[in-house]
N, C-alpha and C. Protein backbone atom coordinates (compact mmCIF):
# COMPACT_ATOMS: atom_id res chain seq x y z
N UNK A 1 14.95 6.18 -1.86
CA UNK A 1 14.55 4.72 -1.64
C UNK A 1 15.53 3.70 -1.58
N UNK A 2 15.23 2.71 -0.88
CA UNK A 2 16.65 1.82 -0.60
C UNK A 2 15.97 0.30 -0.91
N UNK A 3 16.33 -0.11 -2.00
CA UNK A 3 16.18 -1.20 -2.82
C UNK A 3 16.73 -2.65 -2.47
N UNK A 4 17.74 -2.29 -1.38
CA UNK A 4 18.31 -3.47 -0.87
C UNK A 4 17.82 -3.81 0.67
N UNK A 5 16.69 -2.93 1.10
CA UNK A 5 15.79 -3.15 2.46
C UNK A 5 14.45 -3.92 1.99
N UNK A 6 14.41 -5.19 2.55
CA UNK A 6 13.16 -6.11 2.58
C UNK A 6 12.52 -5.88 4.03
N UNK A 7 11.12 -6.11 3.78
CA UNK A 7 10.28 -6.32 4.62
C UNK A 7 10.06 -8.13 4.89
N UNK A 8 10.10 -8.44 5.94
CA UNK A 8 9.88 -9.97 6.09
C UNK A 8 8.83 -10.11 6.93
N UNK A 9 7.55 -10.60 6.66
CA UNK A 9 6.35 -10.78 7.62
C UNK A 9 6.00 -12.09 7.75
N UNK A 10 5.11 -12.13 8.55
CA UNK A 10 4.51 -13.71 9.12
C UNK A 10 5.73 -14.46 9.88
N UNK A 11 6.44 -13.59 10.52
CA UNK A 11 7.95 -14.36 11.44
C UNK A 11 7.10 -15.17 12.50
N UNK A 12 7.56 -16.27 12.90
CA UNK A 12 7.29 -16.98 14.33
C UNK A 12 7.57 -15.87 15.40
N UNK A 13 6.92 -15.79 16.56
CA UNK A 13 7.48 -14.82 17.22
C UNK A 13 8.16 -14.96 18.15
N UNK A 14 9.18 -16.06 17.92
CA UNK A 14 10.45 -16.36 18.66
C UNK A 14 11.55 -16.24 17.79
N UNK A 15 11.38 -15.90 16.51
CA UNK A 15 12.31 -15.60 15.62
C UNK A 15 13.32 -14.51 16.50
N UNK A 16 14.87 -14.47 16.17
CA UNK A 16 15.61 -13.62 16.53
C UNK A 16 16.26 -13.05 15.58
N UNK A 17 17.07 -11.89 15.68
CA UNK A 17 17.81 -11.28 14.27
C UNK A 17 18.84 -12.12 14.18
N UNK A 18 19.69 -12.95 14.85
CA UNK A 18 20.64 -13.91 14.16
C UNK A 18 19.85 -15.05 13.52
N UNK A 19 18.67 -15.19 13.48
CA UNK A 19 18.08 -16.74 12.78
C UNK A 19 17.94 -16.17 11.64
N UNK A 20 17.60 -14.75 11.30
CA UNK A 20 17.49 -14.40 10.00
C UNK A 20 18.67 -14.14 9.20
N UNK A 21 19.58 -13.46 9.93
CA UNK A 21 20.82 -13.20 9.57
C UNK A 21 21.31 -14.55 9.00
N UNK A 22 21.43 -15.56 9.77
CA UNK A 22 21.74 -16.78 8.80
C UNK A 22 20.93 -17.24 7.83
N UNK A 23 19.58 -17.49 7.65
CA UNK A 23 18.92 -17.44 6.83
C UNK A 23 18.98 -17.30 5.49
N UNK A 24 19.00 -15.29 5.73
CA UNK A 24 19.00 -14.49 4.38
C UNK A 24 20.61 -14.57 3.88
N UNK A 25 21.44 -14.74 4.64
CA UNK A 25 23.09 -15.08 4.02
C UNK A 25 23.13 -15.98 3.00
N UNK A 26 22.23 -16.88 2.74
CA UNK A 26 22.09 -17.85 1.81
C UNK A 26 21.87 -17.19 0.21
N UNK A 27 21.32 -15.94 0.49
CA UNK A 27 20.97 -14.82 -0.56
C UNK A 27 22.20 -13.74 -1.16
N UNK A 28 22.82 -13.51 -0.27
CA UNK A 28 23.99 -12.72 -0.32
C UNK A 28 24.41 -12.18 0.95
N UNK A 29 25.39 -11.16 1.08
CA UNK A 29 25.57 -10.19 2.23
C UNK A 29 24.62 -9.59 3.27
N UNK A 30 24.16 -10.02 4.50
CA UNK A 30 23.25 -9.32 5.07
C UNK A 30 23.78 -8.35 5.69
N UNK A 31 23.48 -7.10 5.56
CA UNK A 31 23.73 -5.92 6.27
C UNK A 31 23.47 -5.62 7.54
N UNK A 32 22.35 -5.51 7.80
CA UNK A 32 21.43 -5.60 8.86
C UNK A 32 20.27 -6.05 9.00
N UNK A 33 19.81 -6.81 10.36
CA UNK A 33 18.43 -7.17 10.70
C UNK A 33 17.85 -6.59 11.83
N UNK A 34 16.56 -6.45 11.82
CA UNK A 34 15.91 -5.60 12.63
C UNK A 34 14.28 -6.25 12.76
N UNK A 35 14.35 -7.01 13.67
CA UNK A 35 13.22 -7.85 14.30
C UNK A 35 12.51 -6.60 15.11
N UNK A 36 11.51 -6.31 14.54
CA UNK A 36 10.27 -5.37 14.97
C UNK A 36 9.69 -5.81 16.69
N UNK A 37 9.88 -4.99 17.66
CA UNK A 37 9.59 -5.51 18.64
C UNK A 37 8.19 -4.46 19.39
N UNK A 38 7.51 -5.09 19.92
CA UNK A 38 6.42 -4.06 20.61
C UNK A 38 7.23 -3.22 21.89
N UNK A 39 6.67 -2.15 21.89
CA UNK A 39 7.60 -1.12 22.70
C UNK A 39 7.08 -1.23 24.24
N UNK A 40 5.91 -1.99 24.30
CA UNK A 40 5.16 -2.20 25.73
C UNK A 40 5.57 -3.37 26.29
N UNK A 41 5.82 -4.65 25.32
CA UNK A 41 5.85 -6.01 25.97
C UNK A 41 7.44 -6.50 25.77
N UNK A 42 7.94 -5.76 24.62
CA UNK A 42 9.51 -6.37 24.51
C UNK A 42 9.28 -7.53 23.42
N UNK A 43 7.89 -8.06 23.08
CA UNK A 43 7.79 -9.08 22.43
C UNK A 43 8.19 -8.92 21.03
N UNK A 44 8.21 -9.87 19.91
CA UNK A 44 8.39 -9.53 18.25
C UNK A 44 7.25 -9.33 17.88
N UNK A 45 6.70 -8.39 16.97
CA UNK A 45 5.58 -7.89 16.66
C UNK A 45 5.28 -9.07 15.05
N UNK A 46 6.36 -10.03 15.20
CA UNK A 46 6.15 -10.85 13.82
C UNK A 46 6.52 -10.20 12.48
N UNK A 47 7.54 -9.33 12.38
CA UNK A 47 7.80 -8.92 11.06
C UNK A 47 9.07 -8.27 11.47
N UNK A 48 10.05 -7.93 10.42
CA UNK A 48 11.31 -7.56 10.56
C UNK A 48 11.78 -6.77 9.34
N UNK A 49 13.01 -6.09 9.16
CA UNK A 49 13.66 -5.73 8.12
C UNK A 49 14.92 -6.23 7.91
N UNK A 50 15.04 -6.60 6.70
CA UNK A 50 16.44 -7.28 6.42
C UNK A 50 17.07 -6.36 5.44
N UNK A 51 18.41 -5.85 5.70
CA UNK A 51 18.79 -5.08 4.71
C UNK A 51 20.17 -6.11 3.90
N UNK A 52 19.99 -6.12 2.84
CA UNK A 52 21.04 -7.05 2.24
C UNK A 52 22.19 -5.82 1.52
N UNK A 53 23.18 -6.28 1.20
CA UNK A 53 24.35 -5.31 0.60
C UNK A 53 24.01 -4.59 -1.01
N UNK A 54 23.20 -5.46 -1.45
CA UNK A 54 22.90 -4.96 -3.02
C UNK A 54 21.33 -5.17 -3.19
N UNK A 55 20.81 -4.15 -4.37
CA UNK A 55 19.53 -4.58 -4.54
C UNK A 55 19.43 -6.01 -5.06
N UNK A 56 20.40 -6.28 -6.02
CA UNK A 56 20.45 -7.64 -6.55
C UNK A 56 20.25 -8.79 -5.82
N UNK A 57 21.24 -8.59 -4.64
CA UNK A 57 20.88 -9.70 -3.73
C UNK A 57 19.44 -9.46 -2.76
N UNK A 58 19.12 -8.28 -2.61
CA UNK A 58 17.29 -8.32 -2.33
C UNK A 58 16.42 -8.91 -3.04
N UNK A 59 16.70 -8.56 -4.62
CA UNK A 59 15.89 -9.36 -5.39
C UNK A 59 16.06 -10.84 -5.34
N UNK A 60 17.35 -11.23 -5.03
CA UNK A 60 17.57 -12.85 -4.84
C UNK A 60 16.71 -13.53 -3.79
N UNK A 61 17.06 -12.51 -2.78
CA UNK A 61 16.28 -13.04 -1.47
C UNK A 61 15.19 -13.00 -1.46
N UNK A 62 14.02 -12.01 -2.44
CA UNK A 62 12.75 -12.34 -2.20
C UNK A 62 12.25 -13.24 -3.10
N UNK A 63 13.13 -13.72 -4.49
CA UNK A 63 12.82 -15.11 -5.20
C UNK A 63 12.94 -16.52 -4.41
N UNK A 64 14.17 -16.39 -3.73
CA UNK A 64 14.16 -17.35 -2.86
C UNK A 64 13.42 -17.85 -1.65
N UNK A 65 13.02 -16.75 -1.07
CA UNK A 65 12.19 -17.15 0.47
C UNK A 65 10.78 -16.44 0.34
N UNK A 66 10.29 -15.73 -0.52
CA UNK A 66 8.68 -15.42 -0.31
C UNK A 66 8.02 -16.41 -0.44
N UNK A 67 6.91 -16.88 0.19
CA UNK A 67 6.13 -17.88 0.35
C UNK A 67 6.82 -19.19 0.66
N UNK A 68 8.05 -19.03 1.23
CA UNK A 68 8.69 -20.36 1.71
C UNK A 68 8.70 -20.46 3.08
N UNK A 69 8.72 -21.62 3.56
CA UNK A 69 8.75 -21.86 4.94
C UNK A 69 9.52 -21.61 5.71
N UNK A 70 9.43 -21.04 6.77
CA UNK A 70 10.66 -20.65 7.94
C UNK A 70 10.42 -20.86 9.26
N UNK A 71 10.87 -21.84 10.17
CA UNK A 71 10.46 -22.02 11.42
C UNK A 71 8.73 -22.28 11.71
N UNK A 72 8.41 -23.09 10.33
CA UNK A 72 7.10 -23.62 10.54
C UNK A 72 5.99 -22.39 10.00
N UNK A 73 6.42 -21.60 9.71
CA UNK A 73 5.82 -20.21 9.17
C UNK A 73 5.91 -19.97 7.41
N UNK A 74 5.16 -19.72 6.70
CA UNK A 74 5.21 -19.19 5.59
C UNK A 74 5.47 -17.81 5.52
N UNK A 75 6.62 -17.61 5.09
CA UNK A 75 7.35 -16.07 4.81
C UNK A 75 6.64 -15.31 3.94
N UNK A 76 6.36 -13.90 4.30
CA UNK A 76 6.27 -12.55 2.97
C UNK A 76 7.33 -12.05 2.91
N UNK A 77 8.22 -12.05 1.82
CA UNK A 77 9.40 -11.11 1.73
C UNK A 77 9.22 -10.34 0.43
N UNK A 78 9.20 -8.91 0.77
CA UNK A 78 9.27 -8.18 -0.35
C UNK A 78 10.23 -7.09 -0.11
N UNK A 79 10.36 -6.12 -1.27
CA UNK A 79 11.21 -4.69 -1.08
C UNK A 79 10.25 -3.98 -0.27
N UNK A 80 11.22 -3.53 0.76
CA UNK A 80 10.30 -2.62 1.54
C UNK A 80 10.00 -1.44 0.87
N UNK A 81 8.64 -0.75 1.51
CA UNK A 81 8.53 0.54 0.89
C UNK A 81 8.63 1.42 1.64
N UNK A 82 8.98 2.65 1.25
CA UNK A 82 9.29 3.73 2.16
C UNK A 82 7.72 4.28 3.57
N UNK A 83 8.36 4.31 4.69
CA UNK A 83 7.21 4.67 5.48
C UNK A 83 6.55 5.60 5.04
N UNK A 84 5.10 5.64 5.39
CA UNK A 84 4.26 6.66 4.77
C UNK A 84 4.21 7.58 6.05
N UNK A 85 4.05 8.93 5.28
CA UNK A 85 3.74 9.93 6.61
C UNK A 85 2.37 9.72 7.13
N UNK A 86 2.14 9.79 8.35
CA UNK A 86 1.08 9.37 8.78
C UNK A 86 0.69 10.66 10.06
N UNK A 87 -0.61 11.12 10.07
CA UNK A 87 -0.54 12.23 11.05
C UNK A 87 -0.39 11.70 12.42
N UNK A 88 0.14 12.55 13.43
CA UNK A 88 0.44 11.63 14.76
C UNK A 88 -0.84 11.25 15.41
N UNK A 89 -0.55 10.16 16.17
CA UNK A 89 -1.84 9.79 16.61
C UNK A 89 -2.13 10.64 18.02
N UNK A 90 -3.41 10.68 18.31
CA UNK A 90 -3.87 11.90 19.62
C UNK A 90 -4.00 10.75 20.42
N UNK A 91 -3.56 11.19 21.93
CA UNK A 91 -3.36 10.24 22.69
C UNK A 91 -4.83 10.02 23.54
N UNK A 92 -4.87 9.57 24.35
CA UNK A 92 -6.06 9.24 25.12
C UNK A 92 -6.88 7.78 24.64
N UNK A 93 -8.01 8.41 23.97
CA UNK A 93 -9.04 6.99 23.67
C UNK A 93 -10.08 6.67 24.92
N UNK A 94 -10.54 5.65 24.73
CA UNK A 94 -11.10 5.08 25.80
C UNK A 94 -12.29 6.11 25.92
N UNK A 95 -12.45 6.69 27.31
CA UNK A 95 -13.66 7.66 27.35
C UNK A 95 -15.00 7.35 27.36
N UNK A 96 -16.09 7.67 27.31
CA UNK A 96 -17.51 7.44 27.09
C UNK A 96 -17.86 6.55 28.16
N UNK A 97 -18.67 7.53 29.15
CA UNK A 97 -19.49 6.48 30.15
C UNK A 97 -20.56 5.64 29.64
N UNK A 98 -21.60 6.00 30.10
CA UNK A 98 -22.83 5.67 29.48
C UNK A 98 -23.29 4.20 29.89
N UNK A 99 -24.40 3.95 29.44
CA UNK A 99 -24.94 2.47 29.86
C UNK A 99 -25.39 2.62 31.31
N UNK A 100 -26.06 1.62 31.63
CA UNK A 100 -26.33 1.32 32.97
C UNK A 100 -27.57 1.65 33.53
N UNK A 101 -28.05 1.73 34.59
CA UNK A 101 -29.42 2.09 35.29
C UNK A 101 -29.31 3.44 35.69
N UNK A 102 -30.03 4.20 35.36
CA UNK A 102 -29.96 5.65 35.98
C UNK A 102 -30.95 5.85 36.84
N UNK A 103 -32.14 5.18 37.35
CA UNK A 103 -33.13 5.22 38.21
C UNK A 103 -34.34 6.17 37.59
N UNK A 104 -34.95 6.38 38.69
CA UNK A 104 -36.41 7.27 38.27
C UNK A 104 -36.00 8.54 37.49
N UNK A 105 -35.29 9.24 38.10
CA UNK A 105 -35.25 10.75 37.91
C UNK A 105 -34.74 10.92 36.67
N UNK A 106 -34.14 9.99 35.58
CA UNK A 106 -33.57 10.20 34.43
C UNK A 106 -34.51 10.37 33.22
N UNK A 107 -35.96 10.41 33.79
CA UNK A 107 -37.08 10.44 32.72
C UNK A 107 -37.37 9.32 31.96
N UNK A 108 -36.63 8.49 32.44
CA UNK A 108 -36.92 7.01 31.82
C UNK A 108 -38.60 6.71 32.23
N UNK A 109 -38.92 5.73 31.12
CA UNK A 109 -40.16 5.16 31.21
C UNK A 109 -40.58 4.11 32.39
N UNK A 110 -41.64 4.09 32.95
CA UNK A 110 -41.97 3.32 33.78
C UNK A 110 -42.77 2.01 33.38
């Protein structure tokens, strides 16, 4: 488990990596920033992961920035939990015809 990795949520969709790099540097050395993007649209998903150089700096960042306003939105900042194992998603979806008028042959009432 990496105690220096932070989850940063409720980000404005226009926030870029360098915006967070600059903002979080007030708490210490920022090792990396990764704004999560939608794989289909390429637009921000509204959250990011910020890695600080030490766990102490990460804790300081949580204290400094959790529930604080950033670019007009109140941030959620906490130490990132490890990703849970999830079963693979099954493809497809959709399906299911149904509904609509079927005419007299369907055995419907008259």
